[in-house]
PDB file of N, CA and C in Angstrom:
ATOM      1  N   MET A   1     -25.352   2.719 -37.518  1.00  0.00           N
ATOM      2  CA  MET A   1     -23.923   2.601 -37.337  1.00  0.00           C
ATOM      3  C   MET A   1     -23.468   1.534 -38.324  1.00  0.00           C
ATOM      4  N   ASN A   2     -22.386   1.744 -38.963  1.00  0.00           N
ATOM      5  CA  ASN A   2     -21.768   0.736 -39.884  1.00  0.00           C
ATOM      6  C   ASN A   2     -20.729  -0.116 -39.117  1.00  0.00           C
ATOM      7  N   ILE A   3     -20.963  -1.418 -39.142  1.00  0.00           N
ATOM      8  CA  ILE A   3     -19.999  -2.326 -38.486  1.00  0.00           C
ATOM      9  C   ILE A   3     -19.317  -3.129 -39.500  1.00  0.00           C
ATOM     10  N   GLN A   4     -17.954  -3.117 -39.442  1.00  0.00           N
ATOM     11  CA  GLN A   4     -17.169  -3.931 -40.287  1.00  0.00           C
ATOM     12  C   GLN A   4     -16.510  -5.059 -39.474  1.00  0.00           C
ATOM     13  N   ILE A   5     -16.683  -6.281 -39.891  1.00  0.00           N
ATOM     14  CA  ILE A   5     -16.240  -7.420 -39.096  1.00  0.00           C
ATOM     15  C   ILE A   5     -15.286  -8.230 -39.914  1.00  0.00           C
ATOM     16  N   LYS A   6     -14.116  -8.496 -39.323  1.00  0.00           N
ATOM     17  CA  LYS A   6     -13.084  -9.321 -40.025  1.00  0.00           C
ATOM     18  C   LYS A   6     -12.697 -10.463 -39.109  1.00  0.00           C
ATOM     19  N   GLY A   7     -12.277 -11.589 -39.744  1.00  0.00           N
ATOM     20  CA  GLY A   7     -11.827 -12.809 -38.972  1.00  0.00           C
ATOM     21  C   GLY A   7     -10.337 -12.875 -39.068  1.00  0.00           C
ATOM     22  N   LYS A   8      -9.759 -13.356 -38.056  1.00  0.00           N
ATOM     23  CA  LYS A   8      -8.263 -13.601 -38.012  1.00  0.00           C
ATOM     24  C   LYS A   8      -7.956 -15.034 -37.623  1.00  0.00           C
ATOM     25  N   GLY A   9      -7.529 -15.794 -38.503  1.00  0.00           N
ATOM     26  CA  GLY A   9      -7.136 -17.194 -38.197  1.00  0.00           C
ATOM     27  C   GLY A   9      -8.220 -18.126 -38.037  1.00  0.00           C
ATOM     28  N   MET A  10      -9.400 -17.741 -38.509  1.00  0.00           N
ATOM     29  CA  MET A  10     -10.632 -18.557 -38.443  1.00  0.00           C
ATOM     30  C   MET A  10     -11.700 -18.139 -39.403  1.00  0.00           C
ATOM     31  N   ASP A  11     -12.620 -19.016 -39.701  1.00  0.00           N
ATOM     32  CA  ASP A  11     -13.697 -18.607 -40.616  1.00  0.00           C
ATOM     33  C   ASP A  11     -14.778 -17.891 -39.771  1.00  0.00           C
ATOM     34  N   LEU A  12     -15.376 -16.891 -40.368  1.00  0.00           N
ATOM     35  CA  LEU A  12     -16.449 -16.135 -39.760  1.00  0.00           C
ATOM     36  C   LEU A  12     -17.709 -16.854 -40.154  1.00  0.00           C
ATOM     37  N   THR A  13     -18.419 -17.424 -39.191  1.00  0.00           N
ATOM     38  CA  THR A  13     -19.746 -17.955 -39.453  1.00  0.00           C
ATOM     39  C   THR A  13     -20.801 -16.932 -39.279  1.00  0.00           C
ATOM     40  N   ASP A  14     -21.948 -17.226 -39.820  1.00  0.00           N
ATOM     41  CA  ASP A  14     -23.132 -16.362 -39.672  1.00  0.00           C
ATOM     42  C   ASP A  14     -23.471 -16.085 -38.197  1.00  0.00           C
ATOM     43  N   ALA A  15     -23.386 -17.114 -37.416  1.00  0.00           N
ATOM     44  CA  ALA A  15     -23.695 -17.031 -35.972  1.00  0.00           C
ATOM     45  C   ALA A  15     -22.715 -15.976 -35.290  1.00  0.00           C
ATOM     46  N   ILE A  16     -21.478 -15.973 -35.653  1.00  0.00           N
ATOM     47  CA  ILE A  16     -20.473 -15.118 -35.100  1.00  0.00           C
ATOM     48  C   ILE A  16     -20.800 -13.717 -35.521  1.00  0.00           C
ATOM     49  N   LYS A  17     -21.064 -13.555 -36.830  1.00  0.00           N
ATOM     50  CA  LYS A  17     -21.370 -12.177 -37.313  1.00  0.00           C
ATOM     51  C   LYS A  17     -22.610 -11.599 -36.718  1.00  0.00           C
ATOM     52  N   ASP A  18     -23.645 -12.395 -36.590  1.00  0.00           N
ATOM     53  CA  ASP A  18     -24.833 -11.956 -35.990  1.00  0.00           C
ATOM     54  C   ASP A  18     -24.639 -11.565 -34.502  1.00  0.00           C
ATOM     55  N   TYR A  19     -23.822 -12.332 -33.781  1.00  0.00           N
ATOM     56  CA  TYR A  19     -23.618 -12.028 -32.349  1.00  0.00           C
ATOM     57  C   TYR A  19     -22.805 -10.770 -32.253  1.00  0.00           C
ATOM     58  N   VAL A  20     -21.813 -10.537 -33.064  1.00  0.00           N
ATOM     59  CA  VAL A  20     -21.003  -9.254 -33.053  1.00  0.00           C
ATOM     60  C   VAL A  20     -21.919  -8.154 -33.361  1.00  0.00           C
ATOM     61  N   GLU A  21     -22.732  -8.223 -34.420  1.00  0.00           N
ATOM     62  CA  GLU A  21     -23.601  -7.103 -34.802  1.00  0.00           C
ATOM     63  C   GLU A  21     -24.560  -6.805 -33.694  1.00  0.00           C
ATOM     64  N   LYS A  22     -25.058  -7.860 -33.035  1.00  0.00           N
ATOM     65  CA  LYS A  22     -25.992  -7.577 -31.954  1.00  0.00           C
ATOM     66  C   LYS A  22     -25.351  -6.934 -30.761  1.00  0.00           C
ATOM     67  N   LYS A  23     -24.231  -7.366 -30.330  1.00  0.00           N
ATOM     68  CA  LYS A  23     -23.541  -6.913 -29.187  1.00  0.00           C
ATOM     69  C   LYS A  23     -22.933  -5.526 -29.428  1.00  0.00           C
ATOM     70  N   ILE A  24     -22.117  -5.364 -30.454  1.00  0.00           N
ATOM     71  CA  ILE A  24     -21.531  -4.120 -30.688  1.00  0.00           C
ATOM     72  C   ILE A  24     -22.495  -3.066 -31.201  1.00  0.00           C
ATOM     73  N   GLY A  25     -23.491  -3.499 -31.949  1.00  0.00           N
ATOM     74  CA  GLY A  25     -24.514  -2.571 -32.322  1.00  0.00           C
ATOM     75  C   GLY A  25     -25.344  -2.091 -31.171  1.00  0.00           C
ATOM     76  N   GLY A  26     -25.431  -2.854 -30.080  1.00  0.00           N
ATOM     77  CA  GLY A  26     -26.181  -2.479 -28.888  1.00  0.00           C
ATOM     78  C   GLY A  26     -25.576  -1.357 -28.123  1.00  0.00           C
ATOM     79  N   VAL A  27     -24.213  -0.973 -28.287  1.00  0.00           N
ATOM     80  CA  VAL A  27     -23.676   0.073 -27.618  1.00  0.00           C
ATOM     81  C   VAL A  27     -24.165   1.401 -28.077  1.00  0.00           C
ATOM     82  N   GLU A  28     -24.820   1.421 -29.250  1.00  0.00           N
ATOM     83  CA  GLU A  28     -25.374   2.643 -29.793  1.00  0.00           C
ATOM     84  C   GLU A  28     -26.367   3.298 -28.945  1.00  0.00           C
ATOM     85  N   LYS A  29     -27.107   2.512 -28.026  1.00  0.00           N
ATOM     86  CA  LYS A  29     -28.081   3.093 -27.157  1.00  0.00           C
ATOM     87  C   LYS A  29     -27.477   3.965 -26.117  1.00  0.00           C
ATOM     88  N   PHE A  30     -26.155   3.814 -25.809  1.00  0.00           N
ATOM     89  CA  PHE A  30     -25.471   4.584 -24.885  1.00  0.00           C
ATOM     90  C   PHE A  30     -24.952   5.899 -25.449  1.00  0.00           C
ATOM     91  N   TYR A  31     -24.620   5.939 -26.681  1.00  0.00           N
ATOM     92  CA  TYR A  31     -24.208   7.158 -27.353  1.00  0.00           C
ATOM     93  C   TYR A  31     -24.568   7.122 -28.706  1.00  0.00           C
ATOM     94  N   ASP A  32     -25.471   7.939 -29.167  1.00  0.00           N
ATOM     95  CA  ASP A  32     -26.000   7.879 -30.449  1.00  0.00           C
ATOM     96  C   ASP A  32     -25.297   8.577 -31.596  1.00  0.00           C
ATOM     97  N   LYS A  33     -24.093   9.066 -31.300  1.00  0.00           N
ATOM     98  CA  LYS A  33     -23.286   9.725 -32.355  1.00  0.00           C
ATOM     99  C   LYS A  33     -22.132   8.877 -32.827  1.00  0.00           C
ATOM    100  N   ILE A  34     -22.232   7.519 -32.695  1.00  0.00           N
ATOM    101  CA  ILE A  34     -21.191   6.676 -33.157  1.00  0.00           C
ATOM    102  C   ILE A  34     -21.221   6.551 -34.757  1.00  0.00           C
ATOM    103  N   ILE A  35     -20.118   6.813 -35.292  1.00  0.00           N
ATOM    104  CA  ILE A  35     -20.057   6.844 -36.828  1.00  0.00           C
ATOM    105  C   ILE A  35     -19.914   5.368 -37.351  1.00  0.00           C
ATOM    106  N   GLY A  36     -19.027   4.630 -36.776  1.00  0.00           N
ATOM    107  CA  GLY A  36     -18.856   3.247 -37.215  1.00  0.00           C
ATOM    108  C   GLY A  36     -18.024   2.447 -36.284  1.00  0.00           C
ATOM    109  N   ALA A  37     -17.985   1.153 -36.580  1.00  0.00           N
ATOM    110  CA  ALA A  37     -17.183   0.239 -35.744  1.00  0.00           C
ATOM    111  C   ALA A  37     -16.367  -0.739 -36.657  1.00  0.00           C
ATOM    112  N   SER A  38     -15.174  -0.984 -36.228  1.00  0.00           N
ATOM    113  CA  SER A  38     -14.335  -1.954 -36.950  1.00  0.00           C
ATOM    114  C   SER A  38     -13.976  -3.027 -35.908  1.00  0.00           C
ATOM    115  N   VAL A  39     -14.413  -4.289 -36.155  1.00  0.00           N
ATOM    116  CA  VAL A  39     -14.332  -5.436 -35.208  1.00  0.00           C
ATOM    117  C   VAL A  39     -13.400  -6.514 -35.916  1.00  0.00           C
ATOM    118  N   ILE A  40     -12.451  -6.972 -35.133  1.00  0.00           N
ATOM    119  CA  ILE A  40     -11.657  -8.086 -35.523  1.00  0.00           C
ATOM    120  C   ILE A  40     -11.801  -9.246 -34.469  1.00  0.00           C
ATOM    121  N   VAL A  41     -12.227 -10.422 -34.905  1.00  0.00           N
ATOM    122  CA  VAL A  41     -12.437 -11.548 -34.075  1.00  0.00           C
ATOM    123  C   VAL A  41     -11.628 -12.672 -34.632  1.00  0.00           C
ATOM    124  N   GLY A  42     -11.130 -13.512 -33.724  1.00  0.00           N
ATOM    125  CA  GLY A  42     -10.366 -14.696 -34.178  1.00  0.00           C
ATOM    126  C   GLY A  42      -9.504 -15.338 -33.181  1.00  0.00           C
ATOM    127  N   LYS A  43      -8.589 -16.224 -33.596  1.00  0.00           N
ATOM    128  CA  LYS A  43      -7.670 -16.815 -32.707  1.00  0.00           C
ATOM    129  C   LYS A  43      -6.412 -16.014 -32.503  1.00  0.00           C
ATOM    130  N   GLU A  44      -5.936 -15.975 -31.261  1.00  0.00           N
ATOM    131  CA  GLU A  44      -4.747 -15.193 -30.939  1.00  0.00           C
ATOM    132  C   GLU A  44      -3.518 -15.778 -31.645  1.00  0.00           C
ATOM    133  N   SER A  45      -3.353 -17.140 -31.598  1.00  0.00           N
ATOM    134  CA  SER A  45      -2.358 -17.808 -32.395  1.00  0.00           C
ATOM    135  C   SER A  45      -2.636 -19.300 -32.397  1.00  0.00           C
ATOM    136  N   ASN A  46      -1.942 -20.089 -33.136  1.00  0.00           N
ATOM    137  CA  ASN A  46      -2.267 -21.461 -33.289  1.00  0.00           C
ATOM    138  C   ASN A  46      -1.394 -22.353 -32.354  1.00  0.00           C
ATOM    139  N   HIS A  47      -0.483 -21.832 -31.615  1.00  0.00           N
ATOM    140  CA  HIS A  47       0.454 -22.673 -30.840  1.00  0.00           C
ATOM    141  C   HIS A  47       0.399 -22.485 -29.352  1.00  0.00           C
ATOM    142  N   HIS A  48      -0.754 -22.339 -28.746  1.00  0.00           N
ATOM    143  CA  HIS A  48      -0.927 -22.125 -27.351  1.00  0.00           C
ATOM    144  C   HIS A  48      -0.869 -23.494 -26.695  1.00  0.00           C
ATOM    145  N   VAL A  49      -0.090 -23.559 -25.628  1.00  0.00           N
ATOM    146  CA  VAL A  49      -0.054 -24.845 -24.863  1.00  0.00           C
ATOM    147  C   VAL A  49      -1.359 -25.157 -24.134  1.00  0.00           C
ATOM    148  N   LYS A  50      -1.994 -24.111 -23.740  1.00  0.00           N
ATOM    149  CA  LYS A  50      -3.252 -24.219 -22.840  1.00  0.00           C
ATOM    150  C   LYS A  50      -4.471 -24.294 -23.703  1.00  0.00           C
ATOM    151  N   GLY A  51      -4.439 -24.502 -24.968  1.00  0.00           N
ATOM    152  CA  GLY A  51      -5.560 -24.587 -25.825  1.00  0.00           C
ATOM    153  C   GLY A  51      -5.768 -23.357 -26.651  1.00  0.00           C
ATOM    154  N   GLU A  52      -6.905 -23.211 -27.246  1.00  0.00           N
ATOM    155  CA  GLU A  52      -7.169 -22.054 -28.152  1.00  0.00           C
ATOM    156  C   GLU A  52      -7.485 -20.833 -27.309  1.00  0.00           C
ATOM    157  N   ILE A  53      -6.951 -19.722 -27.678  1.00  0.00           N
ATOM    158  CA  ILE A  53      -7.229 -18.446 -27.112  1.00  0.00           C
ATOM    159  C   ILE A  53      -7.813 -17.575 -28.171  1.00  0.00           C
ATOM    160  N   PHE A  54      -8.971 -17.091 -27.897  1.00  0.00           N
ATOM    161  CA  PHE A  54      -9.697 -16.230 -28.859  1.00  0.00           C
ATOM    162  C   PHE A  54      -9.539 -14.760 -28.497  1.00  0.00           C
ATOM    163  N   MET A  55      -9.613 -13.881 -29.458  1.00  0.00           N
ATOM    164  CA  MET A  55      -9.511 -12.417 -29.211  1.00  0.00           C
ATOM    165  C   MET A  55     -10.622 -11.723 -29.958  1.00  0.00           C
ATOM    166  N   CYS A  56     -10.917 -10.493 -29.399  1.00  0.00           N
ATOM    167  CA  CYS A  56     -11.839  -9.600 -30.018  1.00  0.00           C
ATOM    168  C   CYS A  56     -11.269  -8.213 -29.842  1.00  0.00           C
ATOM    169  N   GLU A  57     -11.175  -7.472 -30.936  1.00  0.00           N
ATOM    170  CA  GLU A  57     -10.781  -6.077 -30.924  1.00  0.00           C
ATOM    171  C   GLU A  57     -11.818  -5.264 -31.597  1.00  0.00           C
ATOM    172  N   CYS A  58     -12.125  -4.138 -31.046  1.00  0.00           N
ATOM    173  CA  CYS A  58     -13.069  -3.153 -31.648  1.00  0.00           C
ATOM    174  C   CYS A  58     -12.624  -1.769 -31.504  1.00  0.00           C
ATOM    175  N   LYS A  59     -12.728  -1.030 -32.666  1.00  0.00           N
ATOM    176  CA  LYS A  59     -12.513   0.366 -32.645  1.00  0.00           C
ATOM    177  C   LYS A  59     -13.748   1.135 -33.051  1.00  0.00           C
ATOM    178  N   LEU A  60     -14.201   1.968 -32.181  1.00  0.00           N
ATOM    179  CA  LEU A  60     -15.385   2.753 -32.444  1.00  0.00           C
ATOM    180  C   LEU A  60     -14.956   4.127 -32.860  1.00  0.00           C
ATOM    181  N   ASP A  61     -15.545   4.577 -34.013  1.00  0.00           N
ATOM    182  CA  ASP A  61     -15.312   5.962 -34.440  1.00  0.00           C
ATOM    183  C   ASP A  61     -16.389   6.910 -33.848  1.00  0.00           C
ATOM    184  N   VAL A  62     -15.945   7.733 -32.942  1.00  0.00           N
ATOM    185  CA  VAL A  62     -16.864   8.661 -32.243  1.00  0.00           C
ATOM    186  C   VAL A  62     -16.311  10.076 -32.586  1.00  0.00           C
ATOM    187  N   PRO A  63     -17.203  11.038 -32.764  1.00  0.00           N
ATOM    188  CA  PRO A  63     -16.707  12.382 -33.052  1.00  0.00           C
ATOM    189  C   PRO A  63     -15.805  12.852 -31.924  1.00  0.00           C
ATOM    190  N   GLY A  64     -14.631  13.334 -32.378  1.00  0.00           N
ATOM    191  CA  GLY A  64     -13.588  13.845 -31.448  1.00  0.00           C
ATOM    192  C   GLY A  64     -12.651  12.843 -30.801  1.00  0.00           C
ATOM    193  N   LYS A  65     -12.966  11.598 -31.002  1.00  0.00           N
ATOM    194  CA  LYS A  65     -12.151  10.473 -30.325  1.00  0.00           C
ATOM    195  C   LYS A  65     -12.462   9.192 -30.937  1.00  0.00           C
ATOM    196  N   ASP A  66     -11.460   8.256 -30.944  1.00  0.00           N
ATOM    197  CA  ASP A  66     -11.733   6.897 -31.363  1.00  0.00           C
ATOM    198  C   ASP A  66     -11.524   6.096 -30.072  1.00  0.00           C
ATOM    199  N   LEU A  67     -12.456   5.133 -29.810  1.00  0.00           N
ATOM    200  CA  LEU A  67     -12.415   4.274 -28.577  1.00  0.00           C
ATOM    201  C   LEU A  67     -11.968   2.906 -29.090  1.00  0.00           C
ATOM    202  N   PHE A  68     -11.089   2.322 -28.336  1.00  0.00           N
ATOM    203  CA  PHE A  68     -10.487   0.946 -28.706  1.00  0.00           C
ATOM    204  C   PHE A  68     -10.580   0.019 -27.551  1.00  0.00           C
ATOM    205  N   ALA A  69     -10.942  -1.201 -27.802  1.00  0.00           N
ATOM    206  CA  ALA A  69     -10.958  -2.273 -26.795  1.00  0.00           C
ATOM    207  C   ALA A  69     -10.370  -3.548 -27.363  1.00  0.00           C
ATOM    208  N   SER A  70      -9.647  -4.297 -26.639  1.00  0.00           N
ATOM    209  CA  SER A  70      -9.088  -5.628 -27.046  1.00  0.00           C
ATOM    210  C   SER A  70      -9.147  -6.476 -25.860  1.00  0.00           C
ATOM    211  N   LYS A  71      -9.733  -7.720 -26.059  1.00  0.00           N
ATOM    212  CA  LYS A  71      -9.830  -8.699 -24.923  1.00  0.00           C
ATOM    213  C   LYS A  71      -9.574 -10.035 -25.535  1.00  0.00           C
ATOM    214  N   THR A  72      -8.940 -10.914 -24.698  1.00  0.00           N
ATOM    215  CA  THR A  72      -8.657 -12.310 -25.024  1.00  0.00           C
ATOM    216  C   THR A  72      -9.357 -13.191 -23.988  1.00  0.00           C
ATOM    217  N   GLU A  73      -9.841 -14.372 -24.507  1.00  0.00           N
ATOM    218  CA  GLU A  73     -10.531 -15.333 -23.628  1.00  0.00           C
ATOM    219  C   GLU A  73     -10.406 -16.689 -24.248  1.00  0.00           C
ATOM    220  N   LYS A  74     -10.748 -17.711 -23.402  1.00  0.00           N
ATOM    221  CA  LYS A  74     -10.803 -19.075 -24.002  1.00  0.00           C
ATOM    222  C   LYS A  74     -12.073 -19.264 -24.817  1.00  0.00           C
ATOM    223  N   ASP A  75     -13.086 -18.427 -24.626  1.00  0.00           N
ATOM    224  CA  ASP A  75     -14.339 -18.531 -25.405  1.00  0.00           C
ATOM    225  C   ASP A  75     -14.474 -17.306 -26.209  1.00  0.00           C
ATOM    226  N   LEU A  76     -14.732 -17.360 -27.469  1.00  0.00           N
ATOM    227  CA  LEU A  76     -14.810 -16.239 -28.329  1.00  0.00           C
ATOM    228  C   LEU A  76     -16.001 -15.293 -27.938  1.00  0.00           C
ATOM    229  N   TYR A  77     -17.157 -15.975 -27.594  1.00  0.00           N
ATOM    230  CA  TYR A  77     -18.349 -15.129 -27.210  1.00  0.00           C
ATOM    231  C   TYR A  77     -18.106 -14.326 -25.941  1.00  0.00           C
ATOM    232  N   LYS A  78     -17.346 -14.899 -25.003  1.00  0.00           N
ATOM    233  CA  LYS A  78     -16.943 -14.216 -23.766  1.00  0.00           C
ATOM    234  C   LYS A  78     -16.013 -13.053 -24.078  1.00  0.00           C
ATOM    235  N   ALA A  79     -15.111 -13.136 -25.019  1.00  0.00           N
ATOM    236  CA  ALA A  79     -14.248 -12.087 -25.383  1.00  0.00           C
ATOM    237  C   ALA A  79     -15.055 -10.929 -26.014  1.00  0.00           C
ATOM    238  N   ILE A  80     -16.076 -11.250 -26.853  1.00  0.00           N
ATOM    239  CA  ILE A  80     -16.906 -10.312 -27.471  1.00  0.00           C
ATOM    240  C   ILE A  80     -17.731  -9.527 -26.376  1.00  0.00           C
ATOM    241  N   ASP A  81     -18.256 -10.317 -25.414  1.00  0.00           N
ATOM    242  CA  ASP A  81     -18.995  -9.674 -24.290  1.00  0.00           C
ATOM    243  C   ASP A  81     -18.160  -8.730 -23.539  1.00  0.00           C
ATOM    244  N   LEU A  82     -16.845  -9.100 -23.195  1.00  0.00           N
ATOM    245  CA  LEU A  82     -15.975  -8.173 -22.445  1.00  0.00           C
ATOM    246  C   LEU A  82     -15.740  -6.981 -23.177  1.00  0.00           C
ATOM    247  N   VAL A  83     -15.451  -6.991 -24.519  1.00  0.00           N
ATOM    248  CA  VAL A  83     -15.200  -5.837 -25.308  1.00  0.00           C
ATOM    249  C   VAL A  83     -16.451  -4.955 -25.206  1.00  0.00           C
ATOM    250  N   ARG A  84     -17.647  -5.540 -25.426  1.00  0.00           N
ATOM    251  CA  ARG A  84     -18.899  -4.715 -25.341  1.00  0.00           C
ATOM    252  C   ARG A  84     -18.978  -4.007 -24.047  1.00  0.00           C
ATOM    253  N   ASP A  85     -18.767  -4.738 -22.934  1.00  0.00           N
ATOM    254  CA  ASP A  85     -18.895  -4.128 -21.573  1.00  0.00           C
ATOM    255  C   ASP A  85     -17.954  -2.997 -21.458  1.00  0.00           C
ATOM    256  N   TYR A  86     -16.672  -3.185 -21.900  1.00  0.00           N
ATOM    257  CA  TYR A  86     -15.670  -2.173 -21.776  1.00  0.00           C
ATOM    258  C   TYR A  86     -16.060  -0.872 -22.617  1.00  0.00           C
ATOM    259  N   LEU A  87     -16.416  -1.139 -23.822  1.00  0.00           N
ATOM    260  CA  LEU A  87     -16.902  -0.044 -24.685  1.00  0.00           C
ATOM    261  C   LEU A  87     -18.124   0.729 -24.072  1.00  0.00           C
ATOM    262  N   GLU A  88     -19.036   0.055 -23.469  1.00  0.00           N
ATOM    263  CA  GLU A  88     -20.158   0.640 -22.853  1.00  0.00           C
ATOM    264  C   GLU A  88     -19.743   1.634 -21.774  1.00  0.00           C
ATOM    265  N   ALA A  89     -18.787   1.223 -20.921  1.00  0.00           N
ATOM    266  CA  ALA A  89     -18.257   2.023 -19.924  1.00  0.00           C
ATOM    267  C   ALA A  89     -17.520   3.249 -20.435  1.00  0.00           C
ATOM    268  N   GLU A  90     -16.744   3.062 -21.499  1.00  0.00           N
ATOM    269  CA  GLU A  90     -15.991   4.106 -22.110  1.00  0.00           C
ATOM    270  C   GLU A  90     -16.872   5.147 -22.762  1.00  0.00           C
ATOM    271  N   LEU A  91     -17.966   4.637 -23.460  1.00  0.00           N
ATOM    272  CA  LEU A  91     -18.917   5.560 -24.080  1.00  0.00           C
ATOM    273  C   LEU A  91     -19.728   6.388 -23.094  1.00  0.00           C
ATOM    274  N   LYS A  92     -19.997   5.789 -21.930  1.00  0.00           N
ATOM    275  CA  LYS A  92     -20.653   6.599 -20.862  1.00  0.00           C
ATOM    276  C   LYS A  92     -19.753   7.653 -20.366  1.00  0.00           C
ATOM    277  N   LYS A  93     -18.478   7.400 -20.228  1.00  0.00           N
ATOM    278  CA  LYS A  93     -17.469   8.349 -19.673  1.00  0.00           C
ATOM    279  C   LYS A  93     -17.387   9.474 -20.757  1.00  0.00           C
ATOM    280  N   HIS A  94     -17.244   9.058 -22.004  1.00  0.00           N
ATOM    281  CA  HIS A  94     -17.040  10.029 -23.092  1.00  0.00           C
ATOM    282  C   HIS A  94     -18.302  10.959 -23.194  1.00  0.00           C
ATOM    283  N   LYS A  95     -19.445  10.387 -23.055  1.00  0.00           N
ATOM    284  CA  LYS A  95     -20.697  11.137 -23.045  1.00  0.00           C
ATOM    285  C   LYS A  95     -20.686  12.209 -21.967  1.00  0.00           C
ATOM    286  N   VAL A  96     -20.299  11.847 -20.798  1.00  0.00           N
ATOM    287  CA  VAL A  96     -20.239  12.830 -19.645  1.00  0.00           C
ATOM    288  C   VAL A  96     -19.201  13.872 -19.896  1.00  0.00           C
ATOM    289  N   MET A  97     -18.094  13.442 -20.358  1.00  0.00           N
ATOM    290  CA  MET A  97     -17.034  14.483 -20.655  1.00  0.00           C
ATOM    291  C   MET A  97     -17.474  15.512 -21.736  1.00  0.00           C
ATOM    292  N   THR A  98     -18.153  15.020 -22.773  1.00  0.00           N
ATOM    293  CA  THR A  98     -18.544  15.941 -23.837  1.00  0.00           C
ATOM    294  C   THR A  98     -19.564  16.884 -23.300  1.00  0.00           C
ATOM    295  N   ARG A  99     -20.541  16.330 -22.454  1.00  0.00           N
ATOM    296  CA  ARG A  99     -21.573  17.158 -21.884  1.00  0.00           C
ATOM    297  C   ARG A  99     -20.977  18.248 -20.988  1.00  0.00           C
ATOM    298  N   GLU A 100     -19.997  17.870 -20.180  1.00  0.00           N
ATOM    299  CA  GLU A 100     -19.329  18.869 -19.269  1.00  0.00           C
ATOM    300  C   GLU A 100     -18.547  19.862 -20.078  1.00  0.00           C
ATOM    301  N   LYS A 101     -17.886  19.487 -21.118  1.00  0.00           N
ATOM    302  CA  LYS A 101     -17.170  20.400 -21.938  1.00  0.00           C
ATOM    303  C   LYS A 101     -18.187  21.406 -22.626  1.00  0.00           C
ATOM    304  N   HIS A 102     -19.229  20.872 -23.109  1.00  0.00           N
ATOM    305  CA  HIS A 102     -20.262  21.714 -23.733  1.00  0.00           C
ATOM    306  C   HIS A 102     -20.827  22.724 -22.692  1.00  0.00           C
ATOM    307  N   ARG A 103     -21.152  22.265 -21.531  1.00  0.00           N
ATOM    308  CA  ARG A 103     -21.738  23.141 -20.483  1.00  0.00           C
ATOM    309  C   ARG A 103     -20.579  24.195 -20.090  1.00  0.00           C
ATOM    310  N   SER A 104     -19.429  23.841 -20.002  1.00  0.00           N
ATOM    311  CA  SER A 104     -18.370  24.789 -19.567  1.00  0.00           C
ATOM    312  C   SER A 104     -18.153  25.796 -20.704  1.00  0.00           C
ATOM    313  N   ASP A 105     -18.277  25.427 -21.934  1.00  0.00           N
ATOM    314  CA  ASP A 105     -18.187  26.346 -23.117  1.00  0.00           C
ATOM    315  C   ASP A 105     -19.279  27.355 -23.040  1.00  0.00           C
ATOM    316  N   LYS A 106     -20.500  26.861 -22.734  1.00  0.00           N
ATOM    317  CA  LYS A 106     -21.652  27.742 -22.671  1.00  0.00           C
ATOM    318  C   LYS A 106     -21.488  28.767 -21.508  1.00  0.00           C
ATOM    319  N   ARG A 107     -20.948  28.246 -20.424  1.00  0.00           N
ATOM    320  CA  ARG A 107     -20.662  29.190 -19.206  1.00  0.00           C
ATOM    321  C   ARG A 107     -19.719  30.263 -19.624  1.00  0.00           C
ATOM    322  N   GLU A 108     -18.618  29.854 -20.217  1.00  0.00           N
ATOM    323  CA  GLU A 108     -17.642  30.902 -20.680  1.00  0.00           C
ATOM    324  C   GLU A 108     -18.254  31.917 -21.597  1.00  0.00           C
ATOM    325  N   VAL A 109     -19.046  31.502 -22.474  1.00  0.00           N
ATOM    326  CA  VAL A 109     -19.675  32.511 -23.418  1.00  0.00           C
ATOM    327  C   VAL A 109     -20.608  33.384 -22.691  1.00  0.00           C
ATOM    328  N   ARG A 110     -21.398  32.794 -21.696  1.00  0.00           N
ATOM    329  CA  ARG A 110     -22.367  33.587 -20.921  1.00  0.00           C
ATOM    330  C   ARG A 110     -21.563  34.560 -19.993  1.00  0.00           C
ATOM    331  N   ASP A 111     -20.524  34.042 -19.355  1.00  0.00           N
ATOM    332  CA  ASP A 111     -19.742  34.917 -18.473  1.00  0.00           C
ATOM    333  C   ASP A 111     -19.076  36.042 -19.198  1.00  0.00           C
ATOM    334  N   SER A 112     -18.529  35.756 -20.444  1.00  0.00           N
ATOM    335  CA  SER A 112     -17.885  36.811 -21.180  1.00  0.00           C
ATOM    336  C   SER A 112     -18.861  37.948 -21.602  1.00  0.00           C
ATOM    337  N   LYS A 113     -20.138  37.528 -21.897  1.00  0.00           N
ATOM    338  CA  LYS A 113     -21.171  38.476 -22.238  1.00  0.00           C
ATOM    339  C   LYS A 113     -21.613  39.470 -21.026  1.00  0.00           C
ATOM    340  N   GLU A 114     -21.590  38.778 -19.837  1.00  0.00           N
ATOM    341  CA  GLU A 114     -21.915  39.571 -18.638  1.00  0.00           C
ATOM    342  C   GLU A 114     -20.847  40.555 -18.296  1.00  0.00           C
ATOM    343  N   TYR A 115     -19.579  40.317 -18.533  1.00  0.00           N
ATOM    344  CA  TYR A 115     -18.565  41.251 -18.292  1.00  0.00           C
ATOM    345  C   TYR A 115     -18.556  42.450 -19.252  1.00  0.00           C
ATOM    346  N   LYS A 116     -18.986  42.156 -20.464  1.00  0.00           N
ATOM    347  CA  LYS A 116     -19.038  43.202 -21.483  1.00  0.00           C
ATOM    348  C   LYS A 116     -20.185  44.250 -21.224  1.00  0.00           C
ATOM    349  N   ASP A 117     -21.221  43.739 -20.635  1.00  0.00           N
ATOM    350  CA  ASP A 117     -22.409  44.585 -20.390  1.00  0.00           C
ATOM    351  C   ASP A 117     -22.205  45.600 -19.301  1.00  0.00           C
TER     352      ASP A 117
END
């Protein structure tokens, strides 16, 4: 899977890049047909009264659908973890739906053949 990482309002360090690649790349074990991922990490804005707020957005390119997640937290690594957890759940749902659709398509073909005979 190809992962593109961009920073918004902050410098991307090697540690952040490695963490994003490890976490977002790890979702591939739940669904092996992921084409690519586009990740944006950074600060939400520079003028928060309550301190710095970090954000992580990720768009996964999956055949038939694009999955998107966006989370904000006071800790950048926590935001990345929340995005990963959300995408994991969405990929599991997508996998089940594609299996069910595939099974129902097979049933329709099989049933139509039975009626012709």
